[in-house]
PDB file of N, CA and C in Angstrom:
ATOM      1  N   MET A   1    -118.911 112.192-153.333  1.00  0.00           N
ATOM      2  CA  MET A   1    -120.004 111.889-152.431  1.00  0.00           C
ATOM      3  C   MET A   1    -120.254 110.374-152.483  1.00  0.00           C
ATOM      4  N   THR A   2    -120.482 109.767-151.335  1.00  0.00           N
ATOM      5  CA  THR A   2    -120.700 108.324-151.290  1.00  0.00           C
ATOM      6  C   THR A   2    -122.068 107.954-151.850  1.00  0.00           C
ATOM      7  N   ARG A   3    -122.211 106.691-152.247  1.00  0.00           N
ATOM      8  CA  ARG A   3    -123.499 106.227-152.784  1.00  0.00           C
ATOM      9  C   ARG A   3    -124.597 106.394-151.748  1.00  0.00           C
ATOM     10  N   ARG A   4    -124.290 106.087-150.485  1.00  0.00           N
ATOM     11  CA  ARG A   4    -125.293 106.241-149.420  1.00  0.00           C
ATOM     12  C   ARG A   4    -125.746 107.698-149.314  1.00  0.00           C
ATOM     13  N   ARG A   5    -124.800 108.601-149.378  1.00  0.00           N
ATOM     14  CA  ARG A   5    -125.112 110.035-149.291  1.00  0.00           C
ATOM     15  C   ARG A   5    -125.945 110.477-150.503  1.00  0.00           C
ATOM     16  N   LEU A   6    -125.594 109.968-151.689  1.00  0.00           N
ATOM     17  CA  LEU A   6    -126.369 110.308-152.890  1.00  0.00           C
ATOM     18  C   LEU A   6    -127.803 109.815-152.767  1.00  0.00           C
ATOM     19  N   GLU A   7    -127.994 108.604-152.221  1.00  0.00           N
ATOM     20  CA  GLU A   7    -129.356 108.092-152.036  1.00  0.00           C
ATOM     21  C   GLU A   7    -130.117 108.913-150.997  1.00  0.00           C
ATOM     22  N   GLN A   8    -129.430 109.397-149.972  1.00  0.00           N
ATOM     23  CA  GLN A   8    -130.083 110.261-148.985  1.00  0.00           C
ATOM     24  C   GLN A   8    -130.546 111.565-149.628  1.00  0.00           C
ATOM     25  N   GLU A   9    -129.713 112.152-150.460  1.00  0.00           N
ATOM     26  CA  GLU A   9    -130.079 113.398-151.148  1.00  0.00           C
ATOM     27  C   GLU A   9    -131.252 113.156-152.100  1.00  0.00           C
ATOM     28  N   LEU A  10    -131.248 112.023-152.781  1.00  0.00           N
ATOM     29  CA  LEU A  10    -132.353 111.659-153.662  1.00  0.00           C
ATOM     30  C   LEU A  10    -133.645 111.538-152.864  1.00  0.00           C
ATOM     31  N   GLN A  11    -133.577 110.855-151.742  1.00  0.00           N
ATOM     32  CA  GLN A  11    -134.767 110.676-150.905  1.00  0.00           C
ATOM     33  C   GLN A  11    -135.291 112.018-150.397  1.00  0.00           C
ATOM     34  N   LYS A  12    -134.401 112.892-149.955  1.00  0.00           N
ATOM     35  CA  LYS A  12    -134.829 114.212-149.488  1.00  0.00           C
ATOM     36  C   LYS A  12    -135.533 114.987-150.596  1.00  0.00           C
ATOM     37  N   ALA A  13    -134.989 114.922-151.811  1.00  0.00           N
ATOM     38  CA  ALA A  13    -135.596 115.642-152.942  1.00  0.00           C
ATOM     39  C   ALA A  13    -136.992 115.108-153.242  1.00  0.00           C
ATOM     40  N   VAL A  14    -137.155 113.796-153.235  1.00  0.00           N
ATOM     41  CA  VAL A  14    -138.465 113.201-153.525  1.00  0.00           C
ATOM     42  C   VAL A  14    -139.457 113.560-152.421  1.00  0.00           C
ATOM     43  N   LEU A  15    -139.027 113.497-151.173  1.00  0.00           N
ATOM     44  CA  LEU A  15    -139.920 113.852-150.066  1.00  0.00           C
ATOM     45  C   LEU A  15    -140.314 115.327-150.103  1.00  0.00           C
ATOM     46  N   GLU A  16    -139.411 116.189-150.562  1.00  0.00           N
ATOM     47  CA  GLU A  16    -139.748 117.614-150.715  1.00  0.00           C
ATOM     48  C   GLU A  16    -140.848 117.784-151.762  1.00  0.00           C
ATOM     49  N   HIS A  17    -140.766 117.047-152.857  1.00  0.00           N
ATOM     50  CA  HIS A  17    -141.818 117.114-153.878  1.00  0.00           C
ATOM     51  C   HIS A  17    -143.139 116.607-153.304  1.00  0.00           C
ATOM     52  N   LEU A  18    -143.093 115.520-152.546  1.00  0.00           N
ATOM     53  CA  LEU A  18    -144.321 115.008-151.933  1.00  0.00           C
ATOM     54  C   LEU A  18    -144.921 116.040-150.976  1.00  0.00           C
ATOM     55  N   ALA A  19    -144.083 116.732-150.216  1.00  0.00           N
ATOM     56  CA  ALA A  19    -144.581 117.733-149.272  1.00  0.00           C
ATOM     57  C   ALA A  19    -145.233 118.897-150.015  1.00  0.00           C
ATOM     58  N   ARG A  20    -144.704 119.247-151.174  1.00  0.00           N
ATOM     59  CA  ARG A  20    -145.177 120.408-151.926  1.00  0.00           C
ATOM     60  C   ARG A  20    -146.275 120.086-152.927  1.00  0.00           C
ATOM     61  N   ARG A  21    -146.239 118.880-153.512  1.00  0.00           N
ATOM     62  CA  ARG A  21    -147.093 118.599-154.661  1.00  0.00           C
ATOM     63  C   ARG A  21    -148.036 117.415-154.488  1.00  0.00           C
ATOM     64  N   SER A  22    -148.092 116.831-153.304  1.00  0.00           N
ATOM     65  CA  SER A  22    -148.907 115.619-153.173  1.00  0.00           C
ATOM     66  C   SER A  22    -150.387 115.917-153.403  1.00  0.00           C
ATOM     67  N   THR A  23    -151.076 114.916-153.934  1.00  0.00           N
ATOM     68  CA  THR A  23    -152.511 115.035-154.127  1.00  0.00           C
ATOM     69  C   THR A  23    -153.192 114.929-152.763  1.00  0.00           C
ATOM     70  N   PRO A  24    -154.433 115.398-152.648  1.00  0.00           N
ATOM     71  CA  PRO A  24    -155.107 115.364-151.344  1.00  0.00           C
ATOM     72  C   PRO A  24    -155.178 113.947-150.756  1.00  0.00           C
ATOM     73  N   GLY A  25    -154.994 113.872-149.448  1.00  0.00           N
ATOM     74  CA  GLY A  25    -155.116 112.607-148.737  1.00  0.00           C
ATOM     75  C   GLY A  25    -153.869 111.752-148.713  1.00  0.00           C
ATOM     76  N   VAL A  26    -152.749 112.269-149.202  1.00  0.00           N
ATOM     77  CA  VAL A  26    -151.497 111.502-149.217  1.00  0.00           C
ATOM     78  C   VAL A  26    -150.786 111.641-147.874  1.00  0.00           C
ATOM     79  N   PHE A  27    -150.368 110.505-147.330  1.00  0.00           N
ATOM     80  CA  PHE A  27    -149.534 110.469-146.115  1.00  0.00           C
ATOM     81  C   PHE A  27    -148.275 109.699-146.484  1.00  0.00           C
ATOM     82  N   ALA A  28    -147.131 110.395-146.525  1.00  0.00           N
ATOM     83  CA  ALA A  28    -145.866 109.784-146.941  1.00  0.00           C
ATOM     84  C   ALA A  28    -144.860 109.853-145.799  1.00  0.00           C
ATOM     85  N   PHE A  29    -144.045 108.801-145.695  1.00  0.00           N
ATOM     86  CA  PHE A  29    -143.034 108.769-144.643  1.00  0.00           C
ATOM     87  C   PHE A  29    -141.929 107.779-144.990  1.00  0.00           C
ATOM     88  N   HIS A  30    -140.842 107.872-144.228  1.00  0.00           N
ATOM     89  CA  HIS A  30    -139.711 106.953-144.354  1.00  0.00           C
ATOM     90  C   HIS A  30    -139.697 106.038-143.140  1.00  0.00           C
ATOM     91  N   TYR A  31    -139.410 104.788-143.370  1.00  0.00           N
ATOM     92  CA  TYR A  31    -139.321 103.770-142.325  1.00  0.00           C
ATOM     93  C   TYR A  31    -137.831 103.540-142.053  1.00  0.00           C
ATOM     94  N   PRO A  32    -137.307 104.022-140.937  1.00  0.00           N
ATOM     95  CA  PRO A  32    -135.854 104.013-140.721  1.00  0.00           C
ATOM     96  C   PRO A  32    -135.303 102.667-140.239  1.00  0.00           C
ATOM     97  N   ALA A  33    -135.324 101.670-141.110  1.00  0.00           N
ATOM     98  CA  ALA A  33    -134.831 100.351-140.734  1.00  0.00           C
ATOM     99  C   ALA A  33    -133.401 100.115-141.198  1.00  0.00           C
ATOM    100  N   GLY A  34    -132.918 100.937-142.107  1.00  0.00           N
ATOM    101  CA  GLY A  34    -131.585 100.719-142.675  1.00  0.00           C
ATOM    102  C   GLY A  34    -130.471 101.176-141.758  1.00  0.00           C
ATOM    103  N   GLY A  35    -129.277 101.015-142.230  1.00  0.00           N
ATOM    104  CA  GLY A  35    -128.104 101.449-141.488  1.00  0.00           C
ATOM    105  C   GLY A  35    -127.522 100.354-140.617  1.00  0.00           C
ATOM    106  N   TRP A  36    -126.342 100.610-140.140  1.00  0.00           N
ATOM    107  CA  TRP A  36    -125.630  99.636-139.332  1.00  0.00           C
ATOM    108  C   TRP A  36    -126.231  99.573-137.932  1.00  0.00           C
ATOM    109  N   ARG A  37    -126.353  98.376-137.412  1.00  0.00           N
ATOM    110  CA  ARG A  37    -126.813  98.144-136.046  1.00  0.00           C
ATOM    111  C   ARG A  37    -125.861  97.165-135.385  1.00  0.00           C
ATOM    112  N   SER A  38    -125.644  97.324-134.093  1.00  0.00           N
ATOM    113  CA  SER A  38    -124.881  96.314-133.369  1.00  0.00           C
ATOM    114  C   SER A  38    -125.704  95.028-133.358  1.00  0.00           C
ATOM    115  N   PRO A  39    -125.088  93.879-133.165  1.00  0.00           N
ATOM    116  CA  PRO A  39    -125.858  92.627-133.122  1.00  0.00           C
ATOM    117  C   PRO A  39    -126.976  92.646-132.073  1.00  0.00           C
ATOM    118  N   VAL A  40    -126.720  93.235-130.927  1.00  0.00           N
ATOM    119  CA  VAL A  40    -127.746  93.302-129.881  1.00  0.00           C
ATOM    120  C   VAL A  40    -128.894  94.201-130.319  1.00  0.00           C
ATOM    121  N   GLU A  41    -128.558  95.388-130.845  1.00  0.00           N
ATOM    122  CA  GLU A  41    -129.589  96.312-131.304  1.00  0.00           C
ATOM    123  C   GLU A  41    -130.399  95.705-132.447  1.00  0.00           C
ATOM    124  N   ALA A  42    -129.725  95.018-133.378  1.00  0.00           N
ATOM    125  CA  ALA A  42    -130.425  94.373-134.494  1.00  0.00           C
ATOM    126  C   ALA A  42    -131.399  93.315-133.979  1.00  0.00           C
ATOM    127  N   ALA A  43    -130.995  92.542-132.991  1.00  0.00           N
ATOM    128  CA  ALA A  43    -131.872  91.510-132.421  1.00  0.00           C
ATOM    129  C   ALA A  43    -133.084  92.142-131.744  1.00  0.00           C
ATOM    130  N   ILE A  44    -132.862  93.247-131.038  1.00  0.00           N
ATOM    131  CA  ILE A  44    -133.971  93.945-130.382  1.00  0.00           C
ATOM    132  C   ILE A  44    -134.948  94.461-131.428  1.00  0.00           C
ATOM    133  N   PHE A  45    -134.425  95.128-132.463  1.00  0.00           N
ATOM    134  CA  PHE A  45    -135.291  95.658-133.511  1.00  0.00           C
ATOM    135  C   PHE A  45    -136.085  94.540-134.170  1.00  0.00           C
ATOM    136  N   LYS A  46    -135.420  93.426-134.489  1.00  0.00           N
ATOM    137  CA  LYS A  46    -136.105  92.303-135.132  1.00  0.00           C
ATOM    138  C   LYS A  46    -137.217  91.770-134.235  1.00  0.00           C
ATOM    139  N   SER A  47    -136.962  91.688-132.928  1.00  0.00           N
ATOM    140  CA  SER A  47    -137.987  91.191-132.001  1.00  0.00           C
ATOM    141  C   SER A  47    -139.164  92.153-131.886  1.00  0.00           C
ATOM    142  N   LEU A  48    -138.937  93.414-132.219  1.00  0.00           N
ATOM    143  CA  LEU A  48    -140.005  94.422-132.174  1.00  0.00           C
ATOM    144  C   LEU A  48    -140.750  94.536-133.504  1.00  0.00           C
ATOM    145  N   GLY A  49    -140.369  93.709-134.492  1.00  0.00           N
ATOM    146  CA  GLY A  49    -141.093  93.695-135.758  1.00  0.00           C
ATOM    147  C   GLY A  49    -140.473  94.484-136.885  1.00  0.00           C
ATOM    148  N   VAL A  50    -139.257  94.986-136.703  1.00  0.00           N
ATOM    149  CA  VAL A  50    -138.607  95.693-137.802  1.00  0.00           C
ATOM    150  C   VAL A  50    -138.305  94.691-138.908  1.00  0.00           C
ATOM    151  N   VAL A  51    -138.634  95.070-140.137  1.00  0.00           N
ATOM    152  CA  VAL A  51    -138.458  94.201-141.293  1.00  0.00           C
ATOM    153  C   VAL A  51    -137.383  94.799-142.197  1.00  0.00           C
ATOM    154  N   ALA A  52    -136.436  93.976-142.597  1.00  0.00           N
ATOM    155  CA  ALA A  52    -135.377  94.427-143.498  1.00  0.00           C
ATOM    156  C   ALA A  52    -135.920  94.548-144.916  1.00  0.00           C
ATOM    157  N   GLY A  53    -135.362  95.493-145.668  1.00  0.00           N
ATOM    158  CA  GLY A  53    -135.689  95.613-147.077  1.00  0.00           C
ATOM    159  C   GLY A  53    -136.915  96.442-147.408  1.00  0.00           C
ATOM    160  N   ILE A  54    -137.503  97.109-146.416  1.00  0.00           N
ATOM    161  CA  ILE A  54    -138.664  97.958-146.681  1.00  0.00           C
ATOM    162  C   ILE A  54    -138.223  99.112-147.587  1.00  0.00           C
ATOM    163  N   PRO A  55    -139.002  99.437-148.626  1.00  0.00           N
ATOM    164  CA  PRO A  55    -138.632 100.539-149.521  1.00  0.00           C
ATOM    165  C   PRO A  55    -138.461 101.870-148.782  1.00  0.00           C
ATOM    166  N   ASP A  56    -137.752 102.776-149.432  1.00  0.00           N
ATOM    167  CA  ASP A  56    -137.373 104.047-148.815  1.00  0.00           C
ATOM    168  C   ASP A  56    -138.548 104.933-148.433  1.00  0.00           C
ATOM    169  N   ILE A  57    -139.564 104.990-149.279  1.00  0.00           N
ATOM    170  CA  ILE A  57    -140.702 105.873-149.004  1.00  0.00           C
ATOM    171  C   ILE A  57    -141.980 105.044-149.024  1.00  0.00           C
ATOM    172  N   LEU A  58    -142.754 105.179-147.978  1.00  0.00           N
ATOM    173  CA  LEU A  58    -144.062 104.532-147.878  1.00  0.00           C
ATOM    174  C   LEU A  58    -145.118 105.618-147.944  1.00  0.00           C
ATOM    175  N   ILE A  59    -146.187 105.341-148.695  1.00  0.00           N
ATOM    176  CA  ILE A  59    -147.238 106.329-148.909  1.00  0.00           C
ATOM    177  C   ILE A  59    -148.580 105.628-148.739  1.00  0.00           C
ATOM    178  N   ILE A  60    -149.457 106.282-148.009  1.00  0.00           N
ATOM    179  CA  ILE A  60    -150.808 105.757-147.835  1.00  0.00           C
ATOM    180  C   ILE A  60    -151.768 106.786-148.415  1.00  0.00           C
ATOM    181  N   ARG A  61    -152.686 106.294-149.234  1.00  0.00           N
ATOM    182  CA  ARG A  61    -153.722 107.168-149.795  1.00  0.00           C
ATOM    183  C   ARG A  61    -154.971 106.336-150.036  1.00  0.00           C
ATOM    184  N   ALA A  62    -156.070 106.789-149.516  1.00  0.00           N
ATOM    185  CA  ALA A  62    -157.369 106.138-149.710  1.00  0.00           C
ATOM    186  C   ALA A  62    -157.322 104.666-149.303  1.00  0.00           C
ATOM    187  N   GLY A  63    -156.635 104.368-148.214  1.00  0.00           N
ATOM    188  CA  GLY A  63    -156.593 103.006-147.703  1.00  0.00           C
ATOM    189  C   GLY A  63    -155.659 102.069-148.439  1.00  0.00           C
ATOM    190  N   HIS A  64    -154.830 102.596-149.331  1.00  0.00           N
ATOM    191  CA  HIS A  64    -153.904 101.762-150.097  1.00  0.00           C
ATOM    192  C   HIS A  64    -152.468 102.167-149.790  1.00  0.00           C
ATOM    193  N   VAL A  65    -151.582 101.176-149.737  1.00  0.00           N
ATOM    194  CA  VAL A  65    -150.162 101.426-149.469  1.00  0.00           C
ATOM    195  C   VAL A  65    -149.377 101.383-150.781  1.00  0.00           C
ATOM    196  N   PHE A  66    -148.573 102.416-150.980  1.00  0.00           N
ATOM    197  CA  PHE A  66    -147.628 102.499-152.087  1.00  0.00           C
ATOM    198  C   PHE A  66    -146.235 102.523-151.468  1.00  0.00           C
ATOM    199  N   ALA A  67    -145.290 101.856-152.094  1.00  0.00           N
ATOM    200  CA  ALA A  67    -143.923 101.818-151.577  1.00  0.00           C
ATOM    201  C   ALA A  67    -142.956 102.069-152.721  1.00  0.00           C
ATOM    202  N   LEU A  68    -142.025 102.993-152.510  1.00  0.00           N
ATOM    203  CA  LEU A  68    -141.082 103.362-153.555  1.00  0.00           C
ATOM    204  C   LEU A  68    -139.653 103.220-153.038  1.00  0.00           C
ATOM    205  N   GLU A  69    -138.902 102.345-153.670  1.00  0.00           N
ATOM    206  CA  GLU A  69    -137.474 102.193-153.383  1.00  0.00           C
ATOM    207  C   GLU A  69    -136.721 103.113-154.325  1.00  0.00           C
ATOM    208  N   LEU A  70    -135.781 103.857-153.786  1.00  0.00           N
ATOM    209  CA  LEU A  70    -135.009 104.815-154.579  1.00  0.00           C
ATOM    210  C   LEU A  70    -133.584 104.315-154.749  1.00  0.00           C
ATOM    211  N   LYS A  71    -133.082 104.409-155.964  1.00  0.00           N
ATOM    212  CA  LYS A  71    -131.711 104.026-156.267  1.00  0.00           C
ATOM    213  C   LYS A  71    -131.070 105.098-157.129  1.00  0.00           C
ATOM    214  N   THR A  72    -129.761 105.251-156.964  1.00  0.00           N
ATOM    215  CA  THR A  72    -128.997 106.095-157.868  1.00  0.00           C
ATOM    216  C   THR A  72    -128.629 105.243-159.081  1.00  0.00           C
ATOM    217  N   ALA A  73    -128.007 105.844-160.059  1.00  0.00           N
ATOM    218  CA  ALA A  73    -127.627 105.115-161.273  1.00  0.00           C
ATOM    219  C   ALA A  73    -126.704 103.938-160.971  1.00  0.00           C
ATOM    220  N   HIS A  74    -125.992 103.985-159.860  1.00  0.00           N
ATOM    221  CA  HIS A  74    -125.037 102.927-159.523  1.00  0.00           C
ATOM    222  C   HIS A  74    -125.584 101.941-158.500  1.00  0.00           C
ATOM    223  N   GLY A  75    -126.809 102.136-158.046  1.00  0.00           N
ATOM    224  CA  GLY A  75    -127.387 101.256-157.030  1.00  0.00           C
ATOM    225  C   GLY A  75    -128.131 100.085-157.651  1.00  0.00           C
ATOM    226  N   SER A  76    -128.348  99.075-156.843  1.00  0.00           N
ATOM    227  CA  SER A  76    -129.155  97.935-157.284  1.00  0.00           C
ATOM    228  C   SER A  76    -129.847  97.332-156.061  1.00  0.00           C
ATOM    229  N   LEU A  77    -130.943  96.628-156.313  1.00  0.00           N
ATOM    230  CA  LEU A  77    -131.687  96.007-155.227  1.00  0.00           C
ATOM    231  C   LEU A  77    -130.911  94.838-154.638  1.00  0.00           C
ATOM    232  N   THR A  78    -131.009  94.687-153.323  1.00  0.00           N
ATOM    233  CA  THR A  78    -130.433  93.519-152.661  1.00  0.00           C
ATOM    234  C   THR A  78    -131.447  92.383-152.725  1.00  0.00           C
ATOM    235  N   GLY A  79    -131.001  91.186-152.450  1.00  0.00           N
ATOM    236  CA  GLY A  79    -131.914  90.057-152.400  1.00  0.00           C
ATOM    237  C   GLY A  79    -133.009  90.259-151.371  1.00  0.00           C
ATOM    238  N   THR A  80    -132.649  90.828-150.241  1.00  0.00           N
ATOM    239  CA  THR A  80    -133.636  91.096-149.194  1.00  0.00           C
ATOM    240  C   THR A  80    -134.677  92.094-149.674  1.00  0.00           C
ATOM    241  N   GLN A  81    -134.249  93.145-150.387  1.00  0.00           N
ATOM    242  CA  GLN A  81    -135.195  94.130-150.913  1.00  0.00           C
ATOM    243  C   GLN A  81    -136.133  93.496-151.929  1.00  0.00           C
ATOM    244  N   ILE A  82    -135.619  92.650-152.806  1.00  0.00           N
ATOM    245  CA  ILE A  82    -136.453  91.965-153.796  1.00  0.00           C
ATOM    246  C   ILE A  82    -137.493  91.096-153.097  1.00  0.00           C
ATOM    247  N   GLU A  83    -137.070  90.352-152.100  1.00  0.00           N
ATOM    248  CA  GLU A  83    -137.993  89.480-151.359  1.00  0.00           C
ATOM    249  C   GLU A  83    -139.049  90.287-150.607  1.00  0.00           C
ATOM    250  N   THR A  84    -138.638  91.361-149.961  1.00  0.00           N
ATOM    251  CA  THR A  84    -139.586  92.188-149.205  1.00  0.00           C
ATOM    252  C   THR A  84    -140.594  92.842-150.140  1.00  0.00           C
ATOM    253  N   GLN A  85    -140.144  93.332-151.289  1.00  0.00           N
ATOM    254  CA  GLN A  85    -141.074  93.921-152.251  1.00  0.00           C
ATOM    255  C   GLN A  85    -142.092  92.886-152.728  1.00  0.00           C
ATOM    256  N   ALA A  86    -141.638  91.666-152.971  1.00  0.00           N
ATOM    257  CA  ALA A  86    -142.562  90.605-153.403  1.00  0.00           C
ATOM    258  C   ALA A  86    -143.593  90.306-152.315  1.00  0.00           C
ATOM    259  N   ARG A  87    -143.168  90.273-151.075  1.00  0.00           N
ATOM    260  CA  ARG A  87    -144.097  90.027-149.971  1.00  0.00           C
ATOM    261  C   ARG A  87    -145.103  91.161-149.837  1.00  0.00           C
ATOM    262  N   MET A  88    -144.658  92.399-150.034  1.00  0.00           N
ATOM    263  CA  MET A  88    -145.557  93.552-149.961  1.00  0.00           C
ATOM    264  C   MET A  88    -146.586  93.494-151.086  1.00  0.00           C
ATOM    265  N   ARG A  89    -146.141  93.152-152.299  1.00  0.00           N
ATOM    266  CA  ARG A  89    -147.074  93.029-153.428  1.00  0.00           C
ATOM    267  C   ARG A  89    -148.103  91.930-153.148  1.00  0.00           C
ATOM    268  N   ALA A  90    -147.645  90.804-152.612  1.00  0.00           N
ATOM    269  CA  ALA A  90    -148.555  89.698-152.305  1.00  0.00           C
ATOM    270  C   ALA A  90    -149.606  90.110-151.273  1.00  0.00           C
ATOM    271  N   ALA A  91    -149.265  91.077-150.426  1.00  0.00           N
ATOM    272  CA  ALA A  91    -150.199  91.571-149.411  1.00  0.00           C
ATOM    273  C   ALA A  91    -151.097  92.683-149.943  1.00  0.00           C
ATOM    274  N   GLY A  92    -150.895  93.087-151.209  1.00  0.00           N
ATOM    275  CA  GLY A  92    -151.771  94.086-151.816  1.00  0.00           C
ATOM    276  C   GLY A  92    -151.186  95.469-151.994  1.00  0.00           C
ATOM    277  N   ALA A  93    -149.934  95.683-151.585  1.00  0.00           N
ATOM    278  CA  ALA A  93    -149.306  96.995-151.758  1.00  0.00           C
ATOM    279  C   ALA A  93    -148.875  97.179-153.208  1.00  0.00           C
ATOM    280  N   THR A  94    -148.770  98.422-153.627  1.00  0.00           N
ATOM    281  CA  THR A  94    -148.224  98.773-154.929  1.00  0.00           C
ATOM    282  C   THR A  94    -146.784  99.196-154.690  1.00  0.00           C
ATOM    283  N   VAL A  95    -145.846  98.517-155.338  1.00  0.00           N
ATOM    284  CA  VAL A  95    -144.424  98.717-155.054  1.00  0.00           C
ATOM    285  C   VAL A  95    -143.653  98.930-156.353  1.00  0.00           C
ATOM    286  N   ALA A  96    -142.690  99.842-156.325  1.00  0.00           N
ATOM    287  CA  ALA A  96    -141.826 100.070-157.481  1.00  0.00           C
ATOM    288  C   ALA A  96    -140.448 100.495-157.004  1.00  0.00           C
ATOM    289  N   THR A  97    -139.494 100.361-157.906  1.00  0.00           N
ATOM    290  CA  THR A  97    -138.144 100.875-157.694  1.00  0.00           C
ATOM    291  C   THR A  97    -137.889 101.918-158.766  1.00  0.00           C
ATOM    292  N   ALA A  98    -137.369 103.062-158.367  1.00  0.00           N
ATOM    293  CA  ALA A  98    -137.071 104.141-159.313  1.00  0.00           C
ATOM    294  C   ALA A  98    -135.589 104.464-159.250  1.00  0.00           C
ATOM    295  N   ILE A  99    -134.995 104.619-160.415  1.00  0.00           N
ATOM    296  CA  ILE A  99    -133.584 104.989-160.494  1.00  0.00           C
ATOM    297  C   ILE A  99    -133.509 106.471-160.841  1.00  0.00           C
ATOM    298  N   GLY A 100    -133.141 107.259-159.856  1.00  0.00           N
ATOM    299  CA  GLY A 100    -133.011 108.695-160.051  1.00  0.00           C
ATOM    300  C   GLY A 100    -134.274 109.468-159.709  1.00  0.00           C
ATOM    301  N   ARG A 101    -134.095 110.766-159.551  1.00  0.00           N
ATOM    302  CA  ARG A 101    -135.184 111.656-159.135  1.00  0.00           C
ATOM    303  C   ARG A 101    -136.302 111.718-160.163  1.00  0.00           C
ATOM    304  N   ASP A 102    -135.954 111.898-161.427  1.00  0.00           N
ATOM    305  CA  ASP A 102    -136.985 112.035-162.447  1.00  0.00           C
ATOM    306  C   ASP A 102    -137.864 110.788-162.529  1.00  0.00           C
ATOM    307  N   ALA A 103    -137.251 109.624-162.494  1.00  0.00           N
ATOM    308  CA  ALA A 103    -138.024 108.375-162.539  1.00  0.00           C
ATOM    309  C   ALA A 103    -138.920 108.243-161.308  1.00  0.00           C
ATOM    310  N   ALA A 104    -138.422 108.665-160.159  1.00  0.00           N
ATOM    311  CA  ALA A 104    -139.232 108.597-158.930  1.00  0.00           C
ATOM    312  C   ALA A 104    -140.447 109.511-159.037  1.00  0.00           C
ATOM    313  N   LEU A 105    -140.229 110.736-159.502  1.00  0.00           N
ATOM    314  CA  LEU A 105    -141.341 111.681-159.611  1.00  0.00           C
ATOM    315  C   LEU A 105    -142.345 111.228-160.669  1.00  0.00           C
ATOM    316  N   GLU A 106    -141.852 110.682-161.773  1.00  0.00           N
ATOM    317  CA  GLU A 106    -142.760 110.154-162.803  1.00  0.00           C
ATOM    318  C   GLU A 106    -143.604 109.007-162.254  1.00  0.00           C
ATOM    319  N   GLN A 107    -142.983 108.135-161.445  1.00  0.00           N
ATOM    320  CA  GLN A 107    -143.738 107.017-160.857  1.00  0.00           C
ATOM    321  C   GLN A 107    -144.820 107.542-159.917  1.00  0.00           C
ATOM    322  N   LEU A 108    -144.490 108.512-159.095  1.00  0.00           N
ATOM    323  CA  LEU A 108    -145.479 109.074-158.169  1.00  0.00           C
ATOM    324  C   LEU A 108    -146.614 109.750-158.927  1.00  0.00           C
ATOM    325  N   GLU A 109    -146.303 110.398-160.042  1.00  0.00           N
ATOM    326  CA  GLU A 109    -147.359 111.002-160.868  1.00  0.00           C
ATOM    327  C   GLU A 109    -148.237 109.920-161.494  1.00  0.00           C
ATOM    328  N   ARG A 110    -147.631 108.816-161.985  1.00  0.00           N
ATOM    329  CA  ARG A 110    -148.422 107.712-162.556  1.00  0.00           C
ATOM    330  C   ARG A 110    -149.364 107.112-161.509  1.00  0.00           C
ATOM    331  N   TRP A 111    -148.931 107.068-160.273  1.00  0.00           N
ATOM    332  CA  TRP A 111    -149.778 106.566-159.189  1.00  0.00           C
ATOM    333  C   TRP A 111    -150.801 107.613-158.737  1.00  0.00           C
ATOM    334  N   ASP A 112    -150.782 108.797-159.328  1.00  0.00           N
ATOM    335  CA  ASP A 112    -151.676 109.903-158.976  1.00  0.00           C
ATOM    336  C   ASP A 112    -151.460 110.378-157.539  1.00  0.00           C
ATOM    337  N   LEU A 113    -150.203 110.352-157.116  1.00  0.00           N
ATOM    338  CA  LEU A 113    -149.862 110.815-155.771  1.00  0.00           C
ATOM    339  C   LEU A 113    -149.231 112.204-155.787  1.00  0.00           C
ATOM    340  N   LEU A 114    -148.833 112.656-156.973  1.00  0.00           N
ATOM    341  CA  LEU A 114    -148.261 113.997-157.143  1.00  0.00           C
ATOM    342  C   LEU A 114    -149.045 114.752-158.198  1.00  0.00           C
ATOM    343  N   ARG A 115    -149.292 116.022-157.909  1.00  0.00           N
ATOM    344  CA  ARG A 115    -149.841 116.912-158.931  1.00  0.00           C
ATOM    345  C   ARG A 115    -148.722 117.246-159.913  1.00  0.00           C
ATOM    346  N   PRO A 116    -149.054 117.574-161.157  1.00  0.00           N
ATOM    347  CA  PRO A 116    -148.008 117.955-162.121  1.00  0.00           C
ATOM    348  C   PRO A 116    -147.208 119.137-161.591  1.00  0.00           C
ATOM    349  N   ASP A 117    -145.946 119.186-161.944  1.00  0.00           N
ATOM    350  CA  ASP A 117    -145.051 120.264-161.509  1.00  0.00           C
ATOM    351  C   ASP A 117    -145.144 121.407-162.501  1.00  0.00           C
ATOM    352  N   VAL A 118    -145.993 122.368-162.216  1.00  0.00           N
ATOM    353  CA  VAL A 118    -146.215 123.478-163.147  1.00  0.00           C
ATOM    354  C   VAL A 118    -145.031 124.433-163.184  1.00  0.00           C
ATOM    355  N   SER A 119    -144.144 124.360-162.221  1.00  0.00           N
ATOM    356  CA  SER A 119    -142.993 125.275-162.206  1.00  0.00           C
ATOM    357  C   SER A 119    -142.024 124.987-163.354  1.00  0.00           C
ATOM    358  N   THR A 120    -142.093 123.780-163.935  1.00  0.00           N
ATOM    359  CA  THR A 120    -141.190 123.440-165.036  1.00  0.00           C
ATOM    360  C   THR A 120    -141.846 123.573-166.399  1.00  0.00           C
ATOM    361  N   GLN A 121    -143.118 123.957-166.436  1.00  0.00           N
ATOM    362  CA  GLN A 121    -143.835 124.058-167.709  1.00  0.00           C
ATOM    363  C   GLN A 121    -143.764 125.481-168.237  1.00  0.00           C
ATOM    364  N   ARG A 122    -143.664 125.589-169.550  1.00  0.00           N
ATOM    365  CA  ARG A 122    -143.635 126.908-170.190  1.00  0.00           C
ATOM    366  C   ARG A 122    -145.054 127.356-170.513  1.00  0.00           C
ATOM    367  N   ALA A 123    -145.237 128.643-170.501  1.00  0.00           N
ATOM    368  CA  ALA A 123    -146.531 129.196-170.929  1.00  0.00           C
ATOM    369  C   ALA A 123    -146.612 129.095-172.439  1.00  0.00           C
ATOM    370  N   SER A 124    -147.803 128.802-172.961  1.00  0.00           N
ATOM    371  CA  SER A 124    -147.934 128.716-174.421  1.00  0.00           C
ATOM    372  C   SER A 124    -148.484 129.975-175.005  1.00  0.00           C
TER     373      SER A 124
END
């Protein structure tokens, strides 16, 4: 499976958890700016305000923006992603990069955007 495909599967898994376990008032979505574009299409998108490097999942809760970039074990941030994350932080957003599903879910729980996953807990 290609790295791009693995990141897509990771994103789908995280979004499924958000759909099932999000805390009240969470609005989560993906901003589809990635992927190959023809030079003309890229110019049109840029003129319409599309920004490169936006994290994979954007979440709004209680008037605050959270942004989570997802990477597989073999992925790394691009210079554009690093710059965009810094600009988002400077504007007041909370931004993180998570490597793998478990790290992503732990980050969302730390931000209080996911309820604990009781399906994985044992009864005492």
